C-alpha atoms as a PDB file:
ATOM      1  CA  ARG A   1      12.139  10.801  11.986  1.00  0.00           C
ATOM      2  CA  ARG A   2      12.003  14.082  10.098  1.00  0.00           C
ATOM      3  CA  TYR A   3      10.147  12.273   7.298  1.00  0.00           C
ATOM      4  CA  THR A   4       7.544  10.930   9.714  1.00  0.00           C
ATOM      5  CA  LYS A   5       6.586  14.149  11.501  1.00  0.00           C
ATOM      6  CA  ILE A   6       2.800  14.238  11.793  1.00  0.00           C
ATOM      7  CA  GLU A   7       0.745  17.348  12.374  1.00  0.00           C
ATOM      8  CA  GLU A   8      -2.657  16.817  13.972  1.00  0.00           C
ATOM      9  CA  SER A   9      -4.357  18.720  11.129  1.00  0.00           C
ATOM     10  CA  HIS A  10      -3.162  16.022   8.696  1.00  0.00           C
ATOM     11  CA  ARG A  11      -5.107  13.197  10.351  1.00  0.00           C
ATOM     12  CA  PRO A  12      -6.091  10.592   9.480  1.00  0.00           C
ATOM     13  CA  ILE A  13      -2.603   9.790   8.222  1.00  0.00           C
ATOM     14  CA  GLY A  14      -0.447   6.742   7.767  1.00  0.00           C
ATOM     15  CA  ILE A  15       3.272   6.129   7.472  1.00  0.00           C
ATOM     16  CA  GLN A  16       4.497   4.043   4.541  1.00  0.00           C
ATOM     17  CA  LEU A  17       7.442   1.637   4.900  1.00  0.00           C
ATOM     18  CA  PHE A  18       9.299  -0.594   2.473  1.00  0.00           C
ATOM     19  CA  GLY A  19      11.782  -3.398   3.033  1.00  0.00           C
ATOM     20  CA  ALA A  20      12.290  -7.138   2.831  1.00  0.00           C
ATOM     21  CA  ASP A  21      12.812  -8.251   6.429  1.00  0.00           C
ATOM     22  CA  GLY A  22       9.645  -8.795   8.449  1.00  0.00           C
ATOM     23  CA  ALA A  23      11.387  -8.473  11.831  1.00  0.00           C
ATOM     24  CA  HIS A  24      13.160  -5.224  10.891  1.00  0.00           C
ATOM     25  CA  MET A  25      10.021  -3.823   9.306  1.00  0.00           C
ATOM     26  CA  GLY A  26       8.072  -4.747  12.432  1.00  0.00           C
ATOM     27  CA  GLU A  27      10.593  -2.977  14.629  1.00  0.00           C
ATOM     28  CA  ALA A  28      10.454   0.103  12.383  1.00  0.00           C
ATOM     29  CA  ALA A  29       6.664   0.076  12.610  1.00  0.00           C
ATOM     30  CA  ARG A  30       6.807  -0.148  16.427  1.00  0.00           C
ATOM     31  CA  ILE A  31       9.278   2.751  16.623  1.00  0.00           C
ATOM     32  CA  ILE A  32       7.153   4.926  14.355  1.00  0.00           C
ATOM     33  CA  LEU A  33       3.986   3.977  16.206  1.00  0.00           C
ATOM     34  CA  ASP A  34       5.533   4.921  19.551  1.00  0.00           C
ATOM     35  CA  HIS A  35       7.119   8.117  18.198  1.00  0.00           C
ATOM     36  CA  GLU A  36       4.439   9.699  16.000  1.00  0.00           C
ATOM     37  CA  LYS A  37       1.307   7.618  16.556  1.00  0.00           C
ATOM     38  CA  PRO A  38       0.076   7.375  12.950  1.00  0.00           C
ATOM     39  CA  ASP A  39      -3.442   6.149  12.288  1.00  0.00           C
ATOM     40  CA  PHE A  40      -2.127   3.225  10.238  1.00  0.00           C
ATOM     41  CA  ILE A  41       1.092   1.726   8.872  1.00  0.00           C
ATOM     42  CA  ASP A  42       1.219   1.055   5.131  1.00  0.00           C
ATOM     43  CA  ILE A  43       3.674  -1.352   3.514  1.00  0.00           C
ATOM     44  CA  ASN A  44       4.723  -0.362  -0.001  1.00  0.00           C
ATOM     45  CA  PHE A  45       4.903  -3.517  -2.120  1.00  0.00           C
ATOM     46  CA  GLY A  46       4.272  -1.565  -5.315  1.00  0.00           C
ATOM     47  CA  CYS A  47       7.172   0.826  -5.855  1.00  0.00           C
ATOM     48  CA  PRO A  48       9.060   0.074  -9.104  1.00  0.00           C
ATOM     49  CA  VAL A  49      11.793   2.699  -8.574  1.00  0.00           C
ATOM     50  CA  PRO A  50      15.225   1.085  -9.117  1.00  0.00           C
ATOM     51  CA  LYS A  51      16.784   2.401  -5.873  1.00  0.00           C
ATOM     52  CA  VAL A  52      13.937   0.777  -3.874  1.00  0.00           C
ATOM     53  CA  VAL A  53      13.752  -2.437  -5.913  1.00  0.00           C
ATOM     54  CA  GLY A  54      17.570  -2.696  -5.768  1.00  0.00           C
ATOM     55  CA  LYS A  55      17.330  -2.999  -1.981  1.00  0.00           C
ATOM     56  CA  ASN A  56      14.750  -5.802  -2.360  1.00  0.00           C
ATOM     57  CA  GLY A  57      11.919  -3.440  -1.445  1.00  0.00           C
ATOM     58  CA  GLY A  58       8.770  -2.312  -3.179  1.00  0.00           C
ATOM     59  CA  SER A  59       7.660  -4.365  -6.162  1.00  0.00           C
ATOM     60  CA  SER A  60      10.726  -6.640  -6.049  1.00  0.00           C
ATOM     61  CA  LEU A  61       8.877  -8.656  -3.398  1.00  0.00           C
ATOM     62  CA  LEU A  62       6.272  -9.605  -5.991  1.00  0.00           C
ATOM     63  CA  LYS A  63       8.891 -12.062  -7.291  1.00  0.00           C
ATOM     64  CA  ASP A  64       8.975 -13.817  -3.898  1.00  0.00           C
ATOM     65  CA  LEU A  65       5.417 -14.069  -2.580  1.00  0.00           C
ATOM     66  CA  PRO A  66       6.360 -16.092   0.540  1.00  0.00           C
ATOM     67  CA  LEU A  67       8.796 -13.296   1.491  1.00  0.00           C
ATOM     68  CA  LEU A  68       6.110 -10.681   0.781  1.00  0.00           C
ATOM     69  CA  ALA A  69       3.721 -12.548   3.080  1.00  0.00           C
ATOM     70  CA  SER A  70       6.445 -12.837   5.726  1.00  0.00           C
ATOM     71  CA  VAL A  71       7.076  -9.083   5.661  1.00  0.00           C
ATOM     72  CA  ALA A  72       3.346  -8.361   5.927  1.00  0.00           C
ATOM     73  CA  ALA A  73       2.884 -10.828   8.784  1.00  0.00           C
ATOM     74  CA  GLY A  74       5.952  -9.457  10.592  1.00  0.00           C
ATOM     75  CA  VAL A  75       4.591  -5.920  10.608  1.00  0.00           C
ATOM     76  CA  VAL A  76       1.085  -7.045  11.565  1.00  0.00           C
ATOM     77  CA  LYS A  77       2.512  -9.092  14.449  1.00  0.00           C
ATOM     78  CA  ALA A  78       4.701  -6.209  15.631  1.00  0.00           C
ATOM     79  CA  VAL A  79       1.907  -3.654  15.925  1.00  0.00           C
ATOM     80  CA  GLY A  80      -0.691  -6.130  17.130  1.00  0.00           C
ATOM     81  CA  ASP A  81      -4.133  -4.617  17.241  1.00  0.00           C
ATOM     82  CA  ARG A  82      -2.885  -1.105  18.079  1.00  0.00           C
ATOM     83  CA  ILE A  83      -3.454   0.229  14.532  1.00  0.00           C
ATOM     84  CA  PRO A  84      -4.343  -1.249  11.144  1.00  0.00           C
ATOM     85  CA  VAL A  85      -1.602  -2.357   8.776  1.00  0.00           C
ATOM     86  CA  THR A  86      -2.346  -1.744   5.120  1.00  0.00           C
ATOM     87  CA  ALA A  87      -0.434  -2.542   1.951  1.00  0.00           C
ATOM     88  CA  LYS A  88       0.066  -0.926  -1.439  1.00  0.00           C
ATOM     89  CA  ILE A  89       0.679  -3.413  -4.218  1.00  0.00           C
ATOM     90  CA  ARG A  90       0.549  -3.724  -7.938  1.00  0.00           C
ATOM     91  CA  ILE A  91      -2.105  -5.944  -9.514  1.00  0.00           C
ATOM     92  CA  ASP A  92       0.040  -9.061  -9.019  1.00  0.00           C
ATOM     93  CA  ALA A  93      -1.094 -10.175  -5.507  1.00  0.00           C
ATOM     94  CA  CYS A  94      -4.066  -9.597  -3.119  1.00  0.00           C
ATOM     95  CA  ARG A  95      -5.361 -12.680  -1.336  1.00  0.00           C
ATOM     96  CA  LEU A  96      -1.915 -13.434   0.116  1.00  0.00           C
ATOM     97  CA  LEU A  97      -1.884 -10.089   1.927  1.00  0.00           C
ATOM     98  CA  GLU A  98      -5.412 -10.509   3.246  1.00  0.00           C
ATOM     99  CA  ASP A  99      -4.427 -13.936   4.607  1.00  0.00           C
ATOM    100  CA  ALA A 100      -1.376 -12.340   6.309  1.00  0.00           C
ATOM    101  CA  GLY A 101      -3.660 -10.024   8.293  1.00  0.00           C
ATOM    102  CA  ILE A 102      -3.469  -6.839   6.216  1.00  0.00           C
ATOM    103  CA  SER A 103      -6.429  -4.538   7.035  1.00  0.00           C
ATOM    104  CA  MET A 104      -6.649  -2.657   3.745  1.00  0.00           C
ATOM    105  CA  ILE A 105      -4.972  -2.947   0.347  1.00  0.00           C
ATOM    106  CA  THR A 106      -4.118  -0.217  -2.132  1.00  0.00           C
ATOM    107  CA  ILE A 107      -3.729  -1.509  -5.662  1.00  0.00           C
ATOM    108  CA  HIS A 108      -1.709   0.362  -8.235  1.00  0.00           C
ATOM    109  CA  GLY A 109      -3.349  -0.605 -11.502  1.00  0.00           C
ATOM    110  CA  ARG A 110      -0.205  -1.568 -13.376  1.00  0.00           C
ATOM    111  CA  THR A 111       2.202  -4.480 -13.246  1.00  0.00           C
ATOM    112  CA  ARG A 112       5.769  -4.018 -12.048  1.00  0.00           C
ATOM    113  CA  SER A 113       7.094  -4.330 -15.581  1.00  0.00           C
ATOM    114  CA  GLN A 114       4.850  -1.462 -16.742  1.00  0.00           C
ATOM    115  CA  GLN A 115       6.253   0.846 -14.074  1.00  0.00           C
ATOM    116  CA  TYR A 116       4.351   4.081 -14.827  1.00  0.00           C
ATOM    117  CA  SER A 117       3.656   3.492 -18.518  1.00  0.00           C
ATOM    118  CA  GLY A 118       0.292   2.783 -20.100  1.00  0.00           C
ATOM    119  CA  ALA A 119      -3.083   3.269 -18.481  1.00  0.00           C
ATOM    120  CA  ALA A 120      -3.954   1.903 -15.060  1.00  0.00           C
ATOM    121  CA  ASN A 121      -6.184  -1.180 -15.310  1.00  0.00           C
ATOM    122  CA  TRP A 122      -9.269  -0.212 -13.340  1.00  0.00           C
ATOM    123  CA  ASP A 123     -11.129  -3.363 -14.435  1.00  0.00           C
ATOM    124  CA  ILE A 124      -8.650  -5.510 -12.510  1.00  0.00           C
ATOM    125  CA  ILE A 125      -8.689  -3.146  -9.519  1.00  0.00           C
ATOM    126  CA  ASP A 126     -12.500  -3.391  -9.502  1.00  0.00           C
ATOM    127  CA  GLU A 127     -12.353  -7.196  -9.785  1.00  0.00           C
ATOM    128  CA  CYS A 128      -9.954  -7.399  -6.833  1.00  0.00           C
ATOM    129  CA  ALA A 129     -12.100  -4.999  -4.788  1.00  0.00           C
ATOM    130  CA  ARG A 130     -15.162  -7.169  -5.366  1.00  0.00           C
ATOM    131  CA  ALA A 131     -13.281 -10.359  -4.382  1.00  0.00           C
ATOM    132  CA  MET A 132     -11.704  -9.099  -1.151  1.00  0.00           C
ATOM    133  CA  SER A 133     -13.228  -8.863   2.312  1.00  0.00           C
ATOM    134  CA  VAL A 134     -10.888  -6.009   3.302  1.00  0.00           C
ATOM    135  CA  PRO A 135     -11.227  -2.500   1.842  1.00  0.00           C
ATOM    136  CA  VAL A 136      -9.426  -1.917  -1.451  1.00  0.00           C
ATOM    137  CA  ILE A 137      -8.125   1.516  -2.431  1.00  0.00           C
ATOM    138  CA  GLY A 138      -7.507   2.115  -6.138  1.00  0.00           C
ATOM    139  CA  ASN A 139      -4.448   3.972  -7.430  1.00  0.00           C
ATOM    140  CA  GLY A 140      -3.365   4.981 -10.915  1.00  0.00           C
ATOM    141  CA  ASP A 141      -4.192   7.835 -13.262  1.00  0.00           C
ATOM    142  CA  ILE A 142      -6.182   9.773 -10.649  1.00  0.00           C
ATOM    143  CA  ALA A 143      -5.290  13.387 -11.387  1.00  0.00           C
ATOM    144  CA  THR A 144      -8.609  15.226 -10.955  1.00  0.00           C
ATOM    145  CA  ALA A 145     -11.592  15.273  -8.645  1.00  0.00           C
ATOM    146  CA  GLN A 146     -13.695  14.146 -11.588  1.00  0.00           C
ATOM    147  CA  ALA A 147     -11.498  11.070 -12.133  1.00  0.00           C
ATOM    148  CA  ALA A 148     -11.787  10.168  -8.448  1.00  0.00           C
ATOM    149  CA  ALA A 149     -15.571  10.590  -8.505  1.00  0.00           C
ATOM    150  CA  TYR A 150     -15.889   8.471 -11.660  1.00  0.00           C
ATOM    151  CA  VAL A 151     -13.875   5.630 -10.127  1.00  0.00           C
ATOM    152  CA  LYS A 152     -15.820   5.765  -6.849  1.00  0.00           C
ATOM    153  CA  GLU A 153     -19.140   5.632  -8.730  1.00  0.00           C
ATOM    154  CA  ASN A 154     -18.182   2.903 -11.197  1.00  0.00           C
ATOM    155  CA  THR A 155     -16.041   0.450  -9.220  1.00  0.00           C
ATOM    156  CA  ALA A 156     -16.196  -1.386  -5.898  1.00  0.00           C
ATOM    157  CA  VAL A 157     -13.158   0.394  -4.433  1.00  0.00           C
ATOM    158  CA  SER A 158     -13.487   1.862  -0.948  1.00  0.00           C
ATOM    159  CA  GLY A 159     -11.427   4.908  -1.907  1.00  0.00           C
ATOM    160  CA  VAL A 160      -8.763   6.265  -4.198  1.00  0.00           C
ATOM    161  CA  MET A 161      -5.116   7.217  -3.719  1.00  0.00           C
ATOM    162  CA  ILE A 162      -3.554  10.063  -5.619  1.00  0.00           C
ATOM    163  CA  GLY A 163       0.116   9.433  -6.333  1.00  0.00           C
ATOM    164  CA  ARG A 164       2.284  11.426  -8.714  1.00  0.00           C
ATOM    165  CA  ALA A 165      -0.533  13.849  -9.553  1.00  0.00           C
ATOM    166  CA  ALA A 166      -0.454  15.083  -5.936  1.00  0.00           C
ATOM    167  CA  MET A 167       2.967  16.568  -6.658  1.00  0.00           C
ATOM    168  CA  GLU A 168       1.617  18.800  -9.448  1.00  0.00           C
END
């Protein structure tokens, strides 16, 4: 719970979860929702870090799309219509999450095998954003306000997420 402490000045804010069991993830989402009342729950299907992937979380679920859909549907079912459930993924899957009831998708513009190397593929993020009926947030290589403005002006994304650059 110490990692999920929300201050009112931080709103809107979401809590990000990872895992491979829809029922357990749903229960975790319910507990967090009752405890801290975030504005949304985000499922991280994009993390390539070995300690996350080794526990069948993050981008490891991209190898088992039915399981990924099951996790998404489990969390959506658990929180009902109380708050939106969003998902962060790599460029490997989108429509499956929309069909599972995900309200918004964040796409990290690299494949799992790239991890953090090479440039984010904003053409594919833009293509996905144009094809989806839910909002798409773009992520990857956003380190300045100018980069965020450029992406917002030149793609169909609904917003941008700053990842590692936020730690600098």
